[in-house]
Amino acid sequence: MDVLYADLVNLINNMAFPVAVSVYLLVRLETRLDVLTSAIDELRTVIGSLKINPLSV
């Protein structure tokens, strides 16, 4: 039983740093994606409001 417990503790110690870094990066990526989504929505609104004369193209 002690060997299994030691292996489990070792696994948690080895995996904690990569998991923490992954969570941190995912949270940062999510906030950047929210900002980009807002910018795209704003661009869509602006482009949709433009009146383009088809003869001038």
Protein backbone atom coordinates (compact mmCIF):
# COMPACT_ATOMS: atom_id res chain seq x y z
CA MET A 1 0.00 0.00 0.00
CA ASP A 2 2.88 2.38 0.77
CA VAL A 3 4.34 1.84 -2.69
CA LEU A 4 1.04 2.74 -4.34
CA TYR A 5 0.72 5.85 -2.17
CA ALA A 6 4.30 6.89 -2.95
CA ASP A 7 3.69 6.38 -6.67
CA LEU A 8 0.51 8.46 -6.45
CA VAL A 9 2.28 11.28 -4.61
CA ASN A 10 5.13 11.18 -7.13
CA LEU A 11 2.66 11.33 -10.02
CA ILE A 12 0.88 14.35 -8.51
CA ASN A 13 4.18 16.12 -7.87
CA ASN A 14 5.34 15.52 -11.43
CA MET A 15 2.06 16.56 -13.04
CA ALA A 16 1.20 19.62 -10.93
CA PHE A 17 3.46 22.06 -12.77
CA PRO A 18 2.37 21.11 -16.33
CA VAL A 19 -1.29 21.18 -15.28
CA ALA A 20 -0.89 24.60 -13.66
CA VAL A 21 0.86 26.01 -16.73
CA SER A 22 -1.81 24.56 -19.02
CA VAL A 23 -4.64 26.07 -16.97
CA TYR A 24 -2.89 29.45 -16.89
CA LEU A 25 -2.38 29.46 -20.66
CA LEU A 26 -5.96 28.37 -21.35
CA VAL A 27 -7.33 31.19 -19.19
CA ARG A 28 -5.14 33.75 -20.97
CA LEU A 29 -6.14 32.36 -24.36
CA GLU A 30 -9.81 32.56 -23.43
CA THR A 31 -9.58 36.25 -22.57
CA ARG A 32 -7.78 37.00 -25.83
CA LEU A 33 -10.40 35.09 -27.79
CA ASP A 34 -13.13 37.14 -26.11
CA VAL A 35 -11.39 40.36 -27.16
CA LEU A 36 -10.96 39.11 -30.73
CA THR A 37 -14.60 38.04 -30.90
CA SER A 38 -15.71 41.51 -29.81
CA ALA A 39 -13.48 43.12 -32.42
CA ILE A 40 -14.85 40.88 -35.17
CA ASP A 41 -18.43 41.67 -34.14
CA GLU A 42 -17.66 45.39 -34.22
CA LEU A 43 -16.06 45.08 -37.67
CA ARG A 44 -19.08 43.16 -38.93
CA THR A 45 -21.35 45.96 -37.72
CA VAL A 46 -19.22 48.68 -39.32
CA ILE A 47 -18.86 46.82 -42.62
CA GLY A 48 -22.59 46.09 -42.67
CA SER A 49 -23.40 49.76 -42.21
CA LEU A 50 -21.24 50.87 -45.15
CA LYS A 51 -23.16 51.80 -48.25
CA ILE A 52 -21.22 50.67 -51.29
CA ASN A 53 -22.19 51.75 -54.77
CA PRO A 54 -21.94 48.60 -56.95
CA LEU A 55 -21.13 50.70 -60.03
CA SER A 56 -18.04 52.23 -58.43
CA VAL A 57 -16.31 48.91 -57.83
